[in-house]
Amino acid sequence: MLDKAIRDALMLWATVDPIGTLALFASLTAGYQPAERKRIATRATVIAGSILLISIVVGEIILSGLGIRLISLQLAGGIVLFLFALQMIFGIGTGHGSDQPEDGHDVSVFPLAIPSMASPGAIMAVIVLTDNHTYSIPQQAITALVLLAVLGVTWLLMLVADPFLRIMGRTGAAVLIRVMGMILAALSVEVVMVAIGAHRWLEPGP
């Protein structure tokens, strides 16, 4: 159980990426008041946690029922992530640079909850780590607890983002948005390439 908990923690830390989420959160919420940033952090964590916990319970069943492979989910997620990266690079629809976000856009939902915290990689990870054919119910419960712990750390990091924001300032936040956009673009391309490579590997030979 301990070995599995450690492996799960390492994989979920890498896919949820609390440090990357902190940087994204800081850059997107630099123009908000502290109380609003706390609300955004809490809402994003709750939404991401709900999505990932639901994925643990019914993700494998839904994908199998729809005939969707995990590789397809990874490819779609990479494309969505790339489109958002372009928005960050060119300063379109990021919610930064004005005191109010664009109408109908809640940054706690997109991109913080999805696809930053509940990323395609994180969704895939929780489904694989709780495979009904491989792991027992107690083992799946351990994975769920580890997930909650990682999300809790992510939430705490976002709550203490104020000192980081004060040092960075608005100009620094604008620069960070572009840098994060480039990193997200590179990450999304990597996700797509891995999915395509896995697809070719799984294809039957002639």
C-alpha atoms as a PDB file:
ATOM      1  CA  MET A   1       0.000   0.000   0.000  1.00  0.00           C
ATOM      2  CA  LEU A   2       2.801   2.409   0.909  1.00  0.00           C
ATOM      3  CA  ASP A   3       4.669   1.733  -2.336  1.00  0.00           C
ATOM      4  CA  LYS A   4       1.515   2.369  -4.355  1.00  0.00           C
ATOM      5  CA  ALA A   5       0.773   5.567  -2.412  1.00  0.00           C
ATOM      6  CA  ILE A   6       4.272   6.874  -3.155  1.00  0.00           C
ATOM      7  CA  ARG A   7       4.033   5.990  -6.852  1.00  0.00           C
ATOM      8  CA  ASP A   8       0.581   7.557  -7.065  1.00  0.00           C
ATOM      9  CA  ALA A   9       1.805  10.726  -5.338  1.00  0.00           C
ATOM     10  CA  LEU A  10       4.698  11.128  -7.757  1.00  0.00           C
ATOM     11  CA  MET A  11       2.515  10.595 -10.834  1.00  0.00           C
ATOM     12  CA  LEU A  12      -0.294  12.837  -9.622  1.00  0.00           C
ATOM     13  CA  TRP A  13       2.135  15.579  -8.575  1.00  0.00           C
ATOM     14  CA  ALA A  14       3.618  15.521 -12.088  1.00  0.00           C
ATOM     15  CA  THR A  15       0.237  15.587 -13.864  1.00  0.00           C
ATOM     16  CA  VAL A  16      -1.656  18.026 -11.589  1.00  0.00           C
ATOM     17  CA  ASP A  17       1.540  20.147 -11.406  1.00  0.00           C
ATOM     18  CA  PRO A  18       0.949  22.368  -8.337  1.00  0.00           C
ATOM     19  CA  ILE A  19       3.951  24.605  -9.122  1.00  0.00           C
ATOM     20  CA  GLY A  20       2.850  25.183 -12.714  1.00  0.00           C
ATOM     21  CA  THR A  21      -0.690  25.869 -11.512  1.00  0.00           C
ATOM     22  CA  LEU A  22       0.677  28.428  -9.026  1.00  0.00           C
ATOM     23  CA  ALA A  23       2.530  30.266 -11.795  1.00  0.00           C
ATOM     24  CA  LEU A  24      -0.558  30.238 -14.021  1.00  0.00           C
ATOM     25  CA  PHE A  25      -2.792  31.342 -11.143  1.00  0.00           C
ATOM     26  CA  ALA A  26      -0.452  34.197 -10.232  1.00  0.00           C
ATOM     27  CA  SER A  27      -0.261  35.488 -13.785  1.00  0.00           C
ATOM     28  CA  LEU A  28      -4.020  35.276 -14.434  1.00  0.00           C
ATOM     29  CA  THR A  29      -5.169  36.814 -11.138  1.00  0.00           C
ATOM     30  CA  ALA A  30      -2.652  39.634 -10.745  1.00  0.00           C
ATOM     31  CA  GLY A  31      -5.417  42.212 -11.318  1.00  0.00           C
ATOM     32  CA  TYR A  32      -7.824  40.736  -8.748  1.00  0.00           C
ATOM     33  CA  GLN A  33      -8.338  41.581  -5.076  1.00  0.00           C
ATOM     34  CA  PRO A  34      -7.058  39.035  -2.485  1.00  0.00           C
ATOM     35  CA  ALA A  35     -10.569  37.907  -1.535  1.00  0.00           C
ATOM     36  CA  GLU A  36     -11.422  37.260  -5.178  1.00  0.00           C
ATOM     37  CA  ARG A  37      -8.185  35.336  -5.705  1.00  0.00           C
ATOM     38  CA  LYS A  38      -9.037  33.131  -2.721  1.00  0.00           C
ATOM     39  CA  ARG A  39     -12.494  32.470  -4.167  1.00  0.00           C
ATOM     40  CA  ILE A  40     -10.983  31.588  -7.544  1.00  0.00           C
ATOM     41  CA  ALA A  41      -8.419  29.249  -5.953  1.00  0.00           C
ATOM     42  CA  THR A  42     -11.063  27.465  -3.880  1.00  0.00           C
ATOM     43  CA  ARG A  43     -13.530  27.138  -6.750  1.00  0.00           C
ATOM     44  CA  ALA A  44     -10.838  25.853  -9.134  1.00  0.00           C
ATOM     45  CA  THR A  45      -9.693  23.250  -6.601  1.00  0.00           C
ATOM     46  CA  VAL A  46     -13.229  22.036  -5.918  1.00  0.00           C
ATOM     47  CA  ILE A  47     -14.068  21.780  -9.619  1.00  0.00           C
ATOM     48  CA  ALA A  48     -10.816  19.997 -10.482  1.00  0.00           C
ATOM     49  CA  GLY A  49     -11.212  17.644  -7.524  1.00  0.00           C
ATOM     50  CA  SER A  50     -14.789  16.814  -8.522  1.00  0.00           C
ATOM     51  CA  ILE A  51     -13.763  16.046 -12.103  1.00  0.00           C
ATOM     52  CA  LEU A  52     -10.852  13.830 -11.049  1.00  0.00           C
ATOM     53  CA  LEU A  53     -12.847  11.979  -8.386  1.00  0.00           C
ATOM     54  CA  ILE A  54     -15.655  11.354 -10.877  1.00  0.00           C
ATOM     55  CA  SER A  55     -13.017  10.082 -13.312  1.00  0.00           C
ATOM     56  CA  ILE A  56     -11.874   7.593 -10.666  1.00  0.00           C
ATOM     57  CA  VAL A  57     -15.397   6.292 -10.141  1.00  0.00           C
ATOM     58  CA  VAL A  58     -16.860   6.202 -13.646  1.00  0.00           C
ATOM     59  CA  GLY A  59     -14.152   7.401 -16.043  1.00  0.00           C
ATOM     60  CA  GLU A  60     -13.135   3.953 -17.230  1.00  0.00           C
ATOM     61  CA  ILE A  61     -16.767   2.865 -17.632  1.00  0.00           C
ATOM     62  CA  ILE A  62     -17.730   5.975 -19.632  1.00  0.00           C
ATOM     63  CA  LEU A  63     -14.737   5.750 -21.968  1.00  0.00           C
ATOM     64  CA  SER A  64     -15.323   2.043 -22.595  1.00  0.00           C
ATOM     65  CA  GLY A  65     -19.032   2.608 -23.178  1.00  0.00           C
ATOM     66  CA  LEU A  66     -18.361   5.354 -25.713  1.00  0.00           C
ATOM     67  CA  GLY A  67     -15.574   3.416 -27.377  1.00  0.00           C
ATOM     68  CA  ILE A  68     -13.057   6.174 -26.578  1.00  0.00           C
ATOM     69  CA  ARG A  69      -9.461   5.198 -25.924  1.00  0.00           C
ATOM     70  CA  LEU A  70      -7.269   7.018 -23.418  1.00  0.00           C
ATOM     71  CA  ILE A  71      -5.001   8.003 -26.300  1.00  0.00           C
ATOM     72  CA  SER A  72      -7.864   9.906 -27.949  1.00  0.00           C
ATOM     73  CA  LEU A  73      -8.517  11.784 -24.711  1.00  0.00           C
ATOM     74  CA  GLN A  74      -4.846  12.704 -24.510  1.00  0.00           C
ATOM     75  CA  LEU A  75      -4.805  13.965 -28.104  1.00  0.00           C
ATOM     76  CA  ALA A  76      -7.939  16.092 -27.638  1.00  0.00           C
ATOM     77  CA  GLY A  77      -6.559  17.554 -24.418  1.00  0.00           C
ATOM     78  CA  GLY A  78      -3.299  18.476 -26.117  1.00  0.00           C
ATOM     79  CA  ILE A  79      -5.153  20.376 -28.842  1.00  0.00           C
ATOM     80  CA  VAL A  80      -7.257  22.317 -26.304  1.00  0.00           C
ATOM     81  CA  LEU A  81      -4.148  23.140 -24.288  1.00  0.00           C
ATOM     82  CA  PHE A  82      -2.389  24.430 -27.413  1.00  0.00           C
ATOM     83  CA  LEU A  83      -5.299  26.720 -28.299  1.00  0.00           C
ATOM     84  CA  PHE A  84      -5.258  28.223 -24.817  1.00  0.00           C
ATOM     85  CA  ALA A  85      -1.473  28.651 -25.014  1.00  0.00           C
ATOM     86  CA  LEU A  86      -1.956  30.736 -28.162  1.00  0.00           C
ATOM     87  CA  GLN A  87      -4.455  32.935 -26.290  1.00  0.00           C
ATOM     88  CA  MET A  88      -1.902  33.503 -23.520  1.00  0.00           C
ATOM     89  CA  ILE A  89       0.927  34.302 -25.952  1.00  0.00           C
ATOM     90  CA  PHE A  90      -1.113  36.848 -27.912  1.00  0.00           C
ATOM     91  CA  GLY A  91      -2.977  38.239 -24.874  1.00  0.00           C
ATOM     92  CA  ILE A  92      -6.426  37.154 -26.031  1.00  0.00           C
ATOM     93  CA  GLY A  93      -9.068  36.179 -23.476  1.00  0.00           C
ATOM     94  CA  THR A  94      -6.698  35.657 -20.546  1.00  0.00           C
ATOM     95  CA  GLY A  95      -8.580  37.974 -18.222  1.00  0.00           C
ATOM     96  CA  HIS A  96      -5.377  39.911 -17.560  1.00  0.00           C
ATOM     97  CA  GLY A  97      -4.872  43.550 -18.256  1.00  0.00           C
ATOM     98  CA  SER A  98      -8.244  44.673 -16.971  1.00  0.00           C
ATOM     99  CA  ASP A  99      -9.930  44.676 -13.597  1.00  0.00           C
ATOM    100  CA  GLN A 100     -12.791  42.493 -14.794  1.00  0.00           C
ATOM    101  CA  PRO A 101     -12.699  39.252 -16.761  1.00  0.00           C
ATOM    102  CA  GLU A 102     -14.469  38.929 -20.056  1.00  0.00           C
ATOM    103  CA  ASP A 103     -18.212  38.272 -19.881  1.00  0.00           C
ATOM    104  CA  GLY A 104     -19.073  34.649 -19.220  1.00  0.00           C
ATOM    105  CA  HIS A 105     -15.458  33.665 -18.544  1.00  0.00           C
ATOM    106  CA  ASP A 106     -14.512  32.289 -15.136  1.00  0.00           C
ATOM    107  CA  VAL A 107     -10.762  31.672 -14.897  1.00  0.00           C
ATOM    108  CA  SER A 108     -11.379  29.273 -12.008  1.00  0.00           C
ATOM    109  CA  VAL A 109     -13.078  26.935 -14.474  1.00  0.00           C
ATOM    110  CA  PHE A 110     -10.881  27.552 -17.515  1.00  0.00           C
ATOM    111  CA  PRO A 111      -7.924  27.358 -17.515  1.00  0.00           C
ATOM    112  CA  LEU A 112      -7.242  26.739 -13.799  1.00  0.00           C
ATOM    113  CA  ALA A 113      -9.538  23.782 -13.092  1.00  0.00           C
ATOM    114  CA  ILE A 114      -9.455  22.615 -16.719  1.00  0.00           C
ATOM    115  CA  PRO A 115      -6.980  21.984 -18.255  1.00  0.00           C
ATOM    116  CA  SER A 116      -4.370  23.035 -15.658  1.00  0.00           C
ATOM    117  CA  MET A 117      -5.283  20.997 -12.558  1.00  0.00           C
ATOM    118  CA  ALA A 118      -7.681  18.462 -14.066  1.00  0.00           C
ATOM    119  CA  SER A 119      -5.442  18.107 -17.097  1.00  0.00           C
ATOM    120  CA  PRO A 120      -5.823  15.322 -19.670  1.00  0.00           C
ATOM    121  CA  GLY A 121      -2.724  13.780 -18.124  1.00  0.00           C
ATOM    122  CA  ALA A 122      -4.238  13.925 -14.623  1.00  0.00           C
ATOM    123  CA  ILE A 123      -7.521  12.411 -15.824  1.00  0.00           C
ATOM    124  CA  MET A 124      -5.637   9.648 -17.596  1.00  0.00           C
ATOM    125  CA  ALA A 125      -3.462   9.106 -14.515  1.00  0.00           C
ATOM    126  CA  VAL A 126      -6.365   8.642 -12.091  1.00  0.00           C
ATOM    127  CA  ILE A 127      -8.118   6.279 -14.487  1.00  0.00           C
ATOM    128  CA  VAL A 128      -4.993   4.178 -14.993  1.00  0.00           C
ATOM    129  CA  LEU A 129      -4.070   4.209 -11.287  1.00  0.00           C
ATOM    130  CA  THR A 130      -7.554   2.952 -10.353  1.00  0.00           C
ATOM    131  CA  ASP A 131      -7.978   0.355 -13.096  1.00  0.00           C
ATOM    132  CA  ASN A 132     -10.809  -1.913 -11.917  1.00  0.00           C
ATOM    133  CA  HIS A 133      -9.075  -4.960 -13.396  1.00  0.00           C
ATOM    134  CA  THR A 134      -5.813  -4.301 -11.544  1.00  0.00           C
ATOM    135  CA  TYR A 135      -6.511  -2.561  -8.231  1.00  0.00           C
ATOM    136  CA  SER A 136      -8.830  -3.417  -5.338  1.00  0.00           C
ATOM    137  CA  ILE A 137     -11.292  -0.985  -3.773  1.00  0.00           C
ATOM    138  CA  PRO A 138      -8.943  -0.186  -0.827  1.00  0.00           C
ATOM    139  CA  GLN A 139      -6.101   0.521  -3.274  1.00  0.00           C
ATOM    140  CA  GLN A 140      -8.352   2.818  -5.294  1.00  0.00           C
ATOM    141  CA  ALA A 141      -9.336   4.589  -2.057  1.00  0.00           C
ATOM    142  CA  ILE A 142      -5.632   5.203  -1.323  1.00  0.00           C
ATOM    143  CA  THR A 143      -5.251   6.772  -4.771  1.00  0.00           C
ATOM    144  CA  ALA A 144      -8.245   9.039  -4.099  1.00  0.00           C
ATOM    145  CA  LEU A 145      -6.743  10.173  -0.771  1.00  0.00           C
ATOM    146  CA  VAL A 146      -3.384  10.880  -2.418  1.00  0.00           C
ATOM    147  CA  LEU A 147      -5.187  12.910  -5.087  1.00  0.00           C
ATOM    148  CA  LEU A 148      -6.956  14.988  -2.445  1.00  0.00           C
ATOM    149  CA  ALA A 149      -3.620  15.620  -0.714  1.00  0.00           C
ATOM    150  CA  VAL A 150      -2.012  16.855  -3.952  1.00  0.00           C
ATOM    151  CA  LEU A 151      -4.996  19.108  -4.651  1.00  0.00           C
ATOM    152  CA  GLY A 152      -4.808  20.423  -1.079  1.00  0.00           C
ATOM    153  CA  VAL A 153      -1.161  21.383  -1.554  1.00  0.00           C
ATOM    154  CA  THR A 154      -2.069  23.090  -4.846  1.00  0.00           C
ATOM    155  CA  TRP A 155      -4.817  25.091  -3.112  1.00  0.00           C
ATOM    156  CA  LEU A 156      -2.470  26.178  -0.325  1.00  0.00           C
ATOM    157  CA  LEU A 157       0.144  27.318  -2.835  1.00  0.00           C
ATOM    158  CA  MET A 158      -2.448  29.446  -4.613  1.00  0.00           C
ATOM    159  CA  LEU A 159      -3.530  31.001  -1.309  1.00  0.00           C
ATOM    160  CA  VAL A 160       0.013  32.182  -0.557  1.00  0.00           C
ATOM    161  CA  ALA A 161       0.503  33.658  -4.025  1.00  0.00           C
ATOM    162  CA  ASP A 162       0.151  37.254  -2.713  1.00  0.00           C
ATOM    163  CA  PRO A 163       3.867  37.788  -1.901  1.00  0.00           C
ATOM    164  CA  PHE A 164       4.743  36.384  -5.301  1.00  0.00           C
ATOM    165  CA  LEU A 165       2.295  38.784  -6.958  1.00  0.00           C
ATOM    166  CA  ARG A 166       3.616  41.798  -5.043  1.00  0.00           C
ATOM    167  CA  ILE A 167       7.163  41.065  -6.159  1.00  0.00           C
ATOM    168  CA  MET A 168       6.138  40.347  -9.736  1.00  0.00           C
ATOM    169  CA  GLY A 169       3.830  43.346 -10.334  1.00  0.00           C
ATOM    170  CA  ARG A 170       1.589  43.883 -13.364  1.00  0.00           C
ATOM    171  CA  THR A 171       4.442  44.092 -15.866  1.00  0.00           C
ATOM    172  CA  GLY A 172       5.976  40.923 -14.512  1.00  0.00           C
ATOM    173  CA  ALA A 173       2.602  39.198 -14.683  1.00  0.00           C
ATOM    174  CA  ALA A 174       2.203  40.194 -18.335  1.00  0.00           C
ATOM    175  CA  VAL A 175       5.649  38.779 -19.101  1.00  0.00           C
ATOM    176  CA  LEU A 176       4.887  35.610 -17.136  1.00  0.00           C
ATOM    177  CA  ILE A 177       1.688  35.064 -19.112  1.00  0.00           C
ATOM    178  CA  ARG A 178       3.686  35.004 -22.366  1.00  0.00           C
ATOM    179  CA  VAL A 179       6.367  32.749 -20.917  1.00  0.00           C
ATOM    180  CA  MET A 180       3.765  30.347 -19.536  1.00  0.00           C
ATOM    181  CA  GLY A 181       2.016  30.427 -22.890  1.00  0.00           C
ATOM    182  CA  MET A 182       5.187  29.290 -24.627  1.00  0.00           C
ATOM    183  CA  ILE A 183       5.710  26.552 -22.048  1.00  0.00           C
ATOM    184  CA  LEU A 184       2.096  25.398 -22.361  1.00  0.00           C
ATOM    185  CA  ALA A 185       2.383  25.409 -26.154  1.00  0.00           C
ATOM    186  CA  ALA A 186       5.484  23.214 -25.969  1.00  0.00           C
ATOM    187  CA  LEU A 187       3.799  20.929 -23.425  1.00  0.00           C
ATOM    188  CA  SER A 188       0.681  20.589 -25.568  1.00  0.00           C
ATOM    189  CA  VAL A 189       2.762  19.669 -28.619  1.00  0.00           C
ATOM    190  CA  GLU A 190       4.557  17.065 -26.505  1.00  0.00           C
ATOM    191  CA  VAL A 191       1.213  15.642 -25.343  1.00  0.00           C
ATOM    192  CA  VAL A 192       0.010  15.359 -28.949  1.00  0.00           C
ATOM    193  CA  MET A 193       3.278  13.773 -30.095  1.00  0.00           C
ATOM    194  CA  VAL A 194       3.146  11.201 -27.284  1.00  0.00           C
ATOM    195  CA  ALA A 195      -0.461  10.351 -28.175  1.00  0.00           C
ATOM    196  CA  ILE A 196       0.380   9.962 -31.866  1.00  0.00           C
ATOM    197  CA  GLY A 197       3.435   7.881 -31.027  1.00  0.00           C
ATOM    198  CA  ALA A 198       1.422   5.617 -28.750  1.00  0.00           C
ATOM    199  CA  HIS A 199      -1.242   5.250 -31.430  1.00  0.00           C
ATOM    200  CA  ARG A 200       1.333   4.103 -33.969  1.00  0.00           C
ATOM    201  CA  TRP A 201       2.821   1.706 -31.436  1.00  0.00           C
ATOM    202  CA  LEU A 202      -0.566   0.138 -30.745  1.00  0.00           C
ATOM    203  CA  GLU A 203      -1.546  -0.178 -34.401  1.00  0.00           C
ATOM    204  CA  PRO A 204      -1.513  -3.800 -35.608  1.00  0.00           C
ATOM    205  CA  GLY A 205       1.153  -4.681 -38.114  1.00  0.00           C
ATOM    206  CA  PRO A 206       0.403  -5.399 -41.779  1.00  0.00           C
END
